[in-house]
Amino acid sequence: MADFFQVEVGTLAQYVTTLKDAQQRLAELPKLLSSGSTDLGNDKLNDAAGDFQHSWAYGAGQLGELVTETTDAVSEIATVYSQVDDQIGKAVKTLGEPLRYVGQAADGMVR
C-alpha cells in the first residue's frame, strides 16, 4: 500500500522555500511599480499607465495573500506528515516486540 502513496517531506520543505521566495518577490512588486513614473506622454497614456500600475499592485497583493495561505498549508502538511511518520514508526516498533516473543515461543515449540 505504501508504494501507491509516498510523500517526500524534504520536497515539501523545498516547495515551502520556493513559495516564500515568490511571496517576497510579490511583496516587493508594488514598491517597484510605485517608484516608476507614469509620465509617458499625453494624459490618456499617463492615465492608462497609472491604471496598469494600480492593477498590478492590487493583483500582486492578492497573489501574495494566496501564496501566504498556500505556504502555511504546505508547511502544516509537512509537519503533520512528519508527525504521522514518527507515530507509525513508534507503533510498528511497539508491535514488533510482542511479535518477537511470539516468534521465540514458536521456535521453542518446533524443537
C-alpha atoms as a PDB file:
ATOM      1  CA  MET A   1       0.000   0.000   0.000  1.00  0.00           C
ATOM      2  CA  ALA A   2       2.857   2.384   0.744  1.00  0.00           C
ATOM      3  CA  ASP A   3       4.004   2.023  -2.845  1.00  0.00           C
ATOM      4  CA  PHE A   4       0.955   3.937  -4.013  1.00  0.00           C
ATOM      5  CA  PHE A   5       1.207   6.919  -1.701  1.00  0.00           C
ATOM      6  CA  GLN A   6       4.511   8.429  -0.708  1.00  0.00           C
ATOM      7  CA  VAL A   7       5.343  11.910   0.487  1.00  0.00           C
ATOM      8  CA  GLU A   8       8.829  13.349   0.391  1.00  0.00           C
ATOM      9  CA  VAL A   9       8.854  15.749   3.326  1.00  0.00           C
ATOM     10  CA  GLY A  10      12.137  17.226   2.073  1.00  0.00           C
ATOM     11  CA  THR A  11      10.472  18.071  -1.229  1.00  0.00           C
ATOM     12  CA  LEU A  12       7.632  19.756   0.637  1.00  0.00           C
ATOM     13  CA  ALA A  13      10.217  21.813   2.531  1.00  0.00           C
ATOM     14  CA  GLN A  14      11.821  22.880  -0.768  1.00  0.00           C
ATOM     15  CA  TYR A  15       8.384  23.827  -2.073  1.00  0.00           C
ATOM     16  CA  VAL A  16       7.779  25.978   1.011  1.00  0.00           C
ATOM     17  CA  THR A  17      11.121  27.720   0.426  1.00  0.00           C
ATOM     18  CA  THR A  18      10.163  28.400  -3.195  1.00  0.00           C
ATOM     19  CA  LEU A  19       6.772  29.744  -2.127  1.00  0.00           C
ATOM     20  CA  LYS A  20       8.369  32.044   0.453  1.00  0.00           C
ATOM     21  CA  ASP A  21      10.732  33.377  -2.221  1.00  0.00           C
ATOM     22  CA  ALA A  22       7.779  34.044  -4.535  1.00  0.00           C
ATOM     23  CA  GLN A  23       5.924  35.717  -1.676  1.00  0.00           C
ATOM     24  CA  GLN A  24       8.873  38.031  -1.024  1.00  0.00           C
ATOM     25  CA  ARG A  25       9.121  38.978  -4.699  1.00  0.00           C
ATOM     26  CA  LEU A  26       5.400  39.683  -4.849  1.00  0.00           C
ATOM     27  CA  ALA A  27       5.670  41.866  -1.739  1.00  0.00           C
ATOM     28  CA  GLU A  28       8.388  43.937  -3.441  1.00  0.00           C
ATOM     29  CA  LEU A  29       6.418  44.406  -6.668  1.00  0.00           C
ATOM     30  CA  PRO A  30       4.110  47.231  -5.513  1.00  0.00           C
ATOM     31  CA  LYS A  31       7.142  49.223  -4.325  1.00  0.00           C
ATOM     32  CA  LEU A  32       8.816  48.764  -7.692  1.00  0.00           C
ATOM     33  CA  LEU A  33       5.687  49.797  -9.547  1.00  0.00           C
ATOM     34  CA  SER A  34       5.006  52.854  -7.407  1.00  0.00           C
ATOM     35  CA  SER A  35       8.556  54.138  -7.796  1.00  0.00           C
ATOM     36  CA  GLY A  36       8.224  54.255 -11.589  1.00  0.00           C
ATOM     37  CA  SER A  37       6.944  57.311 -13.343  1.00  0.00           C
ATOM     38  CA  THR A  38       3.711  57.236 -15.263  1.00  0.00           C
ATOM     39  CA  ASP A  39       4.684  60.381 -17.145  1.00  0.00           C
ATOM     40  CA  LEU A  40       4.970  58.685 -20.508  1.00  0.00           C
ATOM     41  CA  GLY A  41       3.378  61.203 -22.805  1.00  0.00           C
ATOM     42  CA  ASN A  42      -0.137  62.523 -23.156  1.00  0.00           C
ATOM     43  CA  ASP A  43      -2.700  62.420 -20.353  1.00  0.00           C
ATOM     44  CA  LYS A  44      -4.534  59.408 -21.764  1.00  0.00           C
ATOM     45  CA  LEU A  45      -1.331  57.342 -21.885  1.00  0.00           C
ATOM     46  CA  ASN A  46      -0.303  58.503 -18.407  1.00  0.00           C
ATOM     47  CA  ASP A  47      -3.725  57.557 -17.007  1.00  0.00           C
ATOM     48  CA  ALA A  48      -3.510  54.131 -18.644  1.00  0.00           C
ATOM     49  CA  ALA A  49      -0.020  53.596 -17.197  1.00  0.00           C
ATOM     50  CA  GLY A  50      -1.265  54.625 -13.747  1.00  0.00           C
ATOM     51  CA  ASP A  51      -4.217  52.247 -14.013  1.00  0.00           C
ATOM     52  CA  PHE A  52      -1.865  49.481 -15.111  1.00  0.00           C
ATOM     53  CA  GLN A  53       0.418  50.070 -12.113  1.00  0.00           C
ATOM     54  CA  HIS A  54      -2.537  50.115  -9.742  1.00  0.00           C
ATOM     55  CA  SER A  55      -3.940  46.883 -11.208  1.00  0.00           C
ATOM     56  CA  TRP A  56      -0.587  45.130 -10.964  1.00  0.00           C
ATOM     57  CA  ALA A  57      -0.078  46.306  -7.385  1.00  0.00           C
ATOM     58  CA  TYR A  58      -3.556  45.053  -6.456  1.00  0.00           C
ATOM     59  CA  GLY A  59      -3.036  41.731  -8.266  1.00  0.00           C
ATOM     60  CA  ALA A  60       0.361  41.249  -6.645  1.00  0.00           C
ATOM     61  CA  GLY A  61      -1.232  41.820  -3.245  1.00  0.00           C
ATOM     62  CA  GLN A  62      -3.940  39.261  -3.969  1.00  0.00           C
ATOM     63  CA  LEU A  63      -1.395  36.727  -5.225  1.00  0.00           C
ATOM     64  CA  GLY A  64       0.742  37.391  -2.166  1.00  0.00           C
ATOM     65  CA  GLU A  65      -2.172  36.541   0.116  1.00  0.00           C
ATOM     66  CA  LEU A  66      -2.845  33.308  -1.776  1.00  0.00           C
ATOM     67  CA  VAL A  67       0.833  32.358  -1.695  1.00  0.00           C
ATOM     68  CA  THR A  68       0.872  33.002   2.061  1.00  0.00           C
ATOM     69  CA  GLU A  69      -2.143  30.733   2.547  1.00  0.00           C
ATOM     70  CA  THR A  70      -0.574  28.036   0.357  1.00  0.00           C
ATOM     71  CA  THR A  71       2.770  28.311   2.156  1.00  0.00           C
ATOM     72  CA  ASP A  72       1.093  27.972   5.543  1.00  0.00           C
ATOM     73  CA  ALA A  73      -0.939  24.968   4.362  1.00  0.00           C
ATOM     74  CA  VAL A  74       2.055  23.152   2.838  1.00  0.00           C
ATOM     75  CA  SER A  75       4.140  23.838   5.962  1.00  0.00           C
ATOM     76  CA  GLU A  76       1.382  22.391   8.125  1.00  0.00           C
ATOM     77  CA  ILE A  77       1.047  19.365   5.837  1.00  0.00           C
ATOM     78  CA  ALA A  78       4.800  18.700   6.034  1.00  0.00           C
ATOM     79  CA  THR A  79       4.679  18.925   9.832  1.00  0.00           C
ATOM     80  CA  VAL A  80       1.702  16.568  10.057  1.00  0.00           C
ATOM     81  CA  TYR A  81       3.298  14.036   7.690  1.00  0.00           C
ATOM     82  CA  SER A  82       6.464  14.050   9.802  1.00  0.00           C
ATOM     83  CA  GLN A  83       4.462  13.572  12.997  1.00  0.00           C
ATOM     84  CA  VAL A  84       2.385  10.750  11.491  1.00  0.00           C
ATOM     85  CA  ASP A  85       5.512   9.073  10.149  1.00  0.00           C
ATOM     86  CA  ASP A  86       7.096   9.214  13.613  1.00  0.00           C
ATOM     87  CA  GLN A  87       3.936   7.836  15.231  1.00  0.00           C
ATOM     88  CA  ILE A  88       3.714   4.984  12.726  1.00  0.00           C
ATOM     89  CA  GLY A  89       7.370   4.162  13.328  1.00  0.00           C
ATOM     90  CA  LYS A  90       6.770   4.014  17.077  1.00  0.00           C
ATOM     91  CA  ALA A  91       3.640   1.893  16.609  1.00  0.00           C
ATOM     92  CA  VAL A  92       5.461  -0.567  14.369  1.00  0.00           C
ATOM     93  CA  LYS A  93       8.287  -0.805  16.879  1.00  0.00           C
ATOM     94  CA  THR A  94       5.781  -1.363  19.698  1.00  0.00           C
ATOM     95  CA  LEU A  95       4.045  -4.105  17.711  1.00  0.00           C
ATOM     96  CA  GLY A  96       7.379  -5.681  16.872  1.00  0.00           C
ATOM     97  CA  GLU A  97       8.200  -6.505  20.495  1.00  0.00           C
ATOM     98  CA  PRO A  98       5.277  -8.895  21.131  1.00  0.00           C
ATOM     99  CA  LEU A  99       5.790 -10.468  17.725  1.00  0.00           C
ATOM    100  CA  ARG A 100       9.404 -11.194  18.625  1.00  0.00           C
ATOM    101  CA  TYR A 101       8.225 -13.095  21.701  1.00  0.00           C
ATOM    102  CA  VAL A 102       5.639 -14.972  19.651  1.00  0.00           C
ATOM    103  CA  GLY A 103       8.383 -15.915  17.211  1.00  0.00           C
ATOM    104  CA  GLN A 104      10.618 -17.127  20.026  1.00  0.00           C
ATOM    105  CA  ALA A 105       7.771 -19.170  21.517  1.00  0.00           C
ATOM    106  CA  ALA A 106       7.006 -20.692  18.128  1.00  0.00           C
ATOM    107  CA  ASP A 107      10.661 -21.587  17.683  1.00  0.00           C
ATOM    108  CA  GLY A 108      10.615 -23.290  21.099  1.00  0.00           C
ATOM    109  CA  MET A 109       7.537 -25.308  20.177  1.00  0.00           C
ATOM    110  CA  VAL A 110       9.057 -26.548  16.933  1.00  0.00           C
ATOM    111  CA  ARG A 111      12.129 -28.004  18.612  1.00  0.00           C
END
